[in-house]
Amino acid sequence: MQIFEFDESHLLGRVRAVDTHRIDVQVNSDEDLRKARVWQLVAISLPGVIEKWLIGIIDRVVKTPVVEDSSLGGFEVDEVGEDIFQGEVVLNTVRISLVGTTWLALGKKPQFSRSLAQVPEIDAACHILQDAQLQNFMTLLSVEGTTDHSLEIGSYTIDDTAIACLDGNKFFQRHAALLGSTGSGKSWSVATILEQAAKLPSANVIVLDLHGEYGELSYAQHLRIPGPEQIEKPDEELLFLPYWLLNAEELQAMFVDRSEFNAHNQVTVFHDIVISEKKKMLNELEKTDVLDAFTMDSPVPFCISKVISELKHKNEEMVDGQRSKKQGPFHGQFSRMLVRLNSKFDDKRNAFLFQAPSAMHEYDAMSTIVTRLMDYSTFGTQIKIVDFSEVPADILPIVVGLVARIIFQVQFWTDRDKRHPIALVCDEAHMYLPNKDGQNPVEQRAIANFEKIAKEGRKYGVALLVVSQRPSDVSPTILSQCHNIVSLRLTNGIDQGTVKRLMPESLGGLMDALPNLDIGEALVVGDAVLLPSRIRMRPPQEEPLSATIEFWDKWAEKSDVPDFAKTVENMRMQNRE
């Protein structure tokens, strides 16, 4: 049995330069050079080995005029080229990035591996994979990629009859990034992955949905952080996140301005009061075992109104002096902090934090919240969409980071033999995981939570799928931990540069195709794919609510004018109904 059956029509040329991961092939004629196209696959024979071939991807095709220099006894490249282009001597070169090896294993079964145990010899033959030879190889990739843990995402651009699959284990084990400009098919691609995961009986995926794009997927469970108009309405989809879930640093970022002169006193006193209130709860419930291990970050309910009242007392406290009353040690130091606290507390947009139902302030409330977020045991709970569209932008990073931190900590404290893997899909990641110096404290807390997951999540069964239209605006620490990259079309040069820096050096040239990809077409690189490939993502059966409005078509239709007066009232009442 043979893997390939090449003849002279498939011969591209001979190897003339060899690097650790790249080779140059000299092509003898213009006719042969026309066989070479960027992104085309080639096979290079290995010395002394029957039916073992290196596989490469063409990333550069060069036709270089040269001129004879008798004084040097050879040829030199003409710098201008145009004046002698019609000359007889031309050097045709094809640069190829090596991506793997294919061979006949025991039982005469073809196999493919990303490893490069050998490099070709000088003058080794290089053949173009086309027609039947290309189909044979793409069939091999499809068969190799189709396993019990394969994730089918579409078809290969180079051969649309070959199904493209990712290794589902490796895709989530080492984190992944799905990147693409607006309108490139990013949300489609996410939905395609979700549809595949939803078919697994014990899948556990949480989508952090910032714009409600995935709010109508029928196979998912939908949770929603309530907006002001939803607080009083009974709705099983509403997910309250009471303020006492925040840890010490998150509370500090919410309420303390570190630039104030009295910030250190505010932090110390605020923490002391919160600790005292939490301990009161534990003492009332006789939770002595929890008290023994208590820290400021222990997720124990406390009353924020009592904290505000105590701060107000210390801010206005007068103590006995030698002759008369005098100001207490913290008199006037919490005035601005109290304004911030009351402002946050009274803001109806923050009602999901401060006006949660009384049941959400019970000791067992956290287990209820965790169960809603992480349970996968009943039908339709394998995929959970958490809608953050009603969360105010100024606290969005903390709220999203809070959900991620809770999930990671629950996984951390779950018995190893009972730990079940869970994946977080971070939609619009640039909005809460920004790449910029001097992030405000709210953003710092979110970045810290997600960086911890990026670095340590694999050990505890927590995976990240980072989704963004602006990769250059996403924390580089988090992106650098993503060992699988699915990049759709990127038109911004800075974003293209960011993706290139995430790629192995040998594939840098292939990334030049990023601005020219079709809608729904992606470059896929990483541990989860057998070889770096251009893949046409399969459209999902249920599309998310992210389709771009067809302006010209809409303008060409006759339509009713909205009731703007009602819209303005909706805005004032914070209610869309």
Foldseek 3Di string as FASTA:
>chain_A
DALDDDDPVFWLAWWAADDPFKTKGWGDDPVSLVLDDFQFKKWWDAPPDPRKTWIWGWLDKDKFAWDADVVVPGIDTDPVCPVCVVPDDITIMIMITTQWMWGQDPVRDIAIFRDDPDIHDGGIIMTTQDDPSVVSVLQRQLVVQDDPQWQWFAAFPVDRVRTFTWRNCFQFLLFEEEEAAAQQCRQQSVQSRVVSQLVDLQAFEEEAAQACQFVPDPLAAEAEDDFLVCQPPDDPRYAFDAQLQDALLLVCLQQADVVDPCRVVVSVLLLVVQVVQQVVLCVVVVVVVCVVVDDRNPSAFGAVVVSLVVVVCLQCPWDDDPVGTHRHPCHNVCVRSSVSSVVCLPPSLNCSHNVHPPVCRDRCNVVVSCCQNTPSNDGSHSYYYYYNNSHDLVQVLQVVLSVLQSVQVVLVPDPPVPQDAYEYEHAQQLSQQFPDPPDRSSSVSSVVSLLCCLVCVSVRRYGYYYYHHAPLTGHLSNVLSHQKYWYGAHDDPSSLVSVLVSDDPSCSSVSVCRNVGHRQWTFIDGDGRRGTGTGRTDGRPDGTNSDDDPVVVVVVDDDDDDPVVVVVVCVVVVHPD
